Amino acid sequence: MRWIFRLTAILCLGAAALTPAWAADNDADRPIVLDAADTSLSDWLWIKRPVVVFADNAADPRFQEQIELLTDRYTALDERDVVIIADSDPQAMTSVRKALRPRGFMLVVMAKDGTIVTRKPRPWSVREISRSIDKLPLRQDELKGF
């Protein structure tokens, strides 16, 4: 199933990019989009802010649109210590899916302390996600230099 996700990510980004869709420009070893089967939410506690994208199928247009929105403006998310996690296989029952219990497509933005900032049943732009993150107290402290 992992190859389907990667193929979908490549198709979402179009043929313009010759590097894999999950490779960041500034760090080729770090993926932009992690498969939920390869990580857990506890891996990122106090390190990164998980943005999790769920769907019942990688072919879901909302899933594809959300992944494209996130990867197109990844720099803005990277500045906010975001890690993107995707889960489009309900049968796999990953730890991420068990913890957040999505129904169909769902976007979840989480804080570094593991709390849920917001859940959305439709794709959300990076600008909207950034605004919700920038309102968090820890983010405010980060901006002040604490």
Protein backbone atom coordinates (compact mmCIF):
# COMPACT_ATOMS: atom_id res chain seq x y z
CA MET A 1 0.00 0.00 0.00
CA ARG A 2 2.96 2.31 0.65
CA TRP A 3 3.84 2.37 -3.05
CA ILE A 4 0.30 3.56 -3.87
CA PHE A 5 0.70 6.49 -1.48
CA ARG A 6 4.05 7.44 -2.99
CA LEU A 7 2.70 7.11 -6.53
CA THR A 8 -0.26 9.32 -5.57
CA ALA A 9 2.08 11.90 -4.06
CA ILE A 10 4.16 11.98 -7.24
CA LEU A 11 1.07 12.32 -9.43
CA CYS A 12 -0.26 15.12 -7.20
CA LEU A 13 2.89 17.14 -7.67
CA GLY A 14 2.97 16.61 -11.40
CA ALA A 15 5.80 15.63 -13.66
CA ALA A 16 7.75 18.85 -13.09
CA ALA A 17 9.63 17.53 -10.07
CA LEU A 18 12.30 14.99 -10.86
CA THR A 19 13.03 14.25 -7.20
CA PRO A 20 10.63 12.13 -5.17
CA ALA A 21 7.62 14.03 -3.84
CA TRP A 22 8.52 13.16 -0.27
CA ALA A 23 12.06 14.62 -0.47
CA ALA A 24 12.46 18.12 0.90
CA ASP A 25 14.52 20.59 -1.12
CA ASN A 26 16.71 21.52 1.86
CA ASP A 27 17.15 17.99 3.22
CA ALA A 28 16.86 15.14 0.73
CA ASP A 29 16.94 12.54 3.53
CA ARG A 30 13.92 13.94 5.39
CA PRO A 31 10.50 13.19 3.93
CA ILE A 32 7.92 15.93 3.62
CA VAL A 33 5.05 13.47 3.96
CA LEU A 34 5.45 10.52 6.30
CA ASP A 35 3.36 7.37 6.01
CA ALA A 36 1.43 6.79 9.26
CA ALA A 37 2.56 3.16 9.17
CA ASP A 38 6.16 4.34 9.62
CA THR A 39 5.68 6.68 12.58
CA SER A 40 3.58 7.36 15.66
CA LEU A 41 2.36 10.55 17.30
CA SER A 42 4.58 9.93 20.33
CA ASP A 43 7.64 10.14 18.05
CA TRP A 44 6.94 13.86 17.61
CA LEU A 45 5.86 14.83 21.14
CA TRP A 46 7.51 18.18 22.03
CA ILE A 47 9.60 17.99 18.81
CA LYS A 48 7.22 18.77 15.93
CA ARG A 49 3.59 19.73 15.33
CA PRO A 50 1.89 16.85 13.50
CA VAL A 51 -0.47 17.71 10.67
CA VAL A 52 -2.24 14.46 9.86
CA VAL A 53 -4.21 13.81 6.67
CA PHE A 54 -6.60 10.86 6.63
CA ALA A 55 -8.65 9.30 3.85
CA ASP A 56 -10.23 5.94 3.18
CA ASN A 57 -8.36 5.75 -0.13
CA ALA A 58 -5.35 7.54 -1.61
CA ALA A 59 -7.47 8.29 -4.69
CA ASP A 60 -9.82 10.52 -2.65
CA PRO A 61 -9.69 13.94 -4.39
CA ARG A 62 -9.74 15.74 -1.02
CA PHE A 63 -6.74 13.70 0.15
CA GLN A 64 -4.83 14.47 -3.03
CA GLU A 65 -5.73 18.16 -2.84
CA GLN A 66 -4.63 18.40 0.80
CA ILE A 67 -1.30 16.68 0.18
CA GLU A 68 -0.68 19.01 -2.76
CA LEU A 69 -1.56 22.10 -0.67
CA LEU A 70 0.81 20.99 2.09
CA THR A 71 3.74 20.06 -0.12
CA ASP A 72 3.46 23.13 -2.35
CA ARG A 73 4.05 25.46 0.61
CA TYR A 74 6.11 23.20 2.85
CA THR A 75 8.59 25.96 3.74
CA ALA A 76 5.92 27.86 5.71
CA LEU A 77 5.09 24.69 7.62
CA ASP A 78 8.73 23.80 8.22
CA GLU A 79 9.21 27.22 9.84
CA ARG A 80 6.50 26.19 12.31
CA ASP A 81 8.08 22.80 13.08
CA VAL A 82 5.38 20.82 11.27
CA VAL A 83 5.63 17.18 10.31
CA ILE A 84 3.07 15.93 7.77
CA ILE A 85 1.68 12.45 8.32
CA ALA A 86 -0.63 10.76 5.81
CA ASP A 87 -2.85 7.73 6.36
CA SER A 88 -5.00 6.53 3.47
CA ASP A 89 -5.35 2.87 4.44
CA PRO A 90 -8.06 2.20 7.05
CA GLN A 91 -7.32 -1.54 7.03
CA ALA A 92 -3.78 -0.94 8.32
CA MET A 93 -5.15 0.48 11.62
CA THR A 94 -1.99 2.46 12.36
CA SER A 95 -1.38 3.85 15.84
CA VAL A 96 -2.11 7.30 14.43
CA ARG A 97 -5.50 6.18 13.10
CA LYS A 98 -6.33 4.44 16.39
CA ALA A 99 -5.48 7.59 18.36
CA LEU A 100 -7.41 10.07 16.19
CA ARG A 101 -10.28 7.85 14.91
CA PRO A 102 -11.06 9.54 11.59
CA ARG A 103 -14.13 8.97 9.45
CA GLY A 104 -13.30 9.29 5.78
CA PHE A 105 -11.27 12.37 4.90
CA MET A 106 -10.02 14.35 7.86
CA LEU A 107 -7.27 16.87 8.52
CA VAL A 108 -5.93 17.11 12.07
CA VAL A 109 -3.57 19.85 13.26
CA MET A 110 -1.85 19.06 16.54
CA ALA A 111 0.30 21.01 18.99
CA LYS A 112 3.76 19.91 20.13
CA ASP A 113 2.25 18.75 23.43
CA GLY A 114 0.03 16.27 21.56
CA THR A 115 -3.26 18.15 21.92
CA ILE A 116 -5.54 18.53 18.95
CA VAL A 117 -5.69 22.11 17.69
CA THR A 118 -8.35 21.48 15.06
CA ARG A 119 -10.05 18.78 12.99
CA LYS A 120 -11.36 19.61 9.53
CA PRO A 121 -13.56 17.51 7.21
CA ARG A 122 -12.28 19.36 4.13
CA PRO A 123 -8.88 20.43 2.80
CA TRP A 124 -7.36 23.47 4.46
CA SER A 125 -4.78 25.83 3.00
CA VAL A 126 -1.32 26.26 4.49
CA ARG A 127 -2.28 29.83 5.32
CA GLU A 128 -5.22 28.63 7.45
CA ILE A 129 -3.08 25.97 9.13
CA SER A 130 -0.32 28.52 9.80
CA ARG A 131 -2.79 30.93 11.39
CA SER A 132 -4.10 28.26 13.76
CA ILE A 133 -0.55 27.28 14.73
CA ASP A 134 0.56 30.90 15.20
CA LYS A 135 -2.22 31.40 17.80
CA LEU A 136 -0.82 28.65 20.04
CA PRO A 137 0.90 29.84 23.25
CA LEU A 138 4.04 27.76 22.61
CA ARG A 139 4.32 29.21 19.09
CA GLN A 140 3.94 32.72 20.53
CA ASP A 141 6.81 31.95 22.92
CA GLU A 142 8.91 30.61 20.03
CA LEU A 143 8.36 33.84 18.11
CA LYS A 144 9.44 35.88 21.15
CA GLY A 145 12.63 33.86 21.38
CA PHE A 146 11.93 31.90 24.58
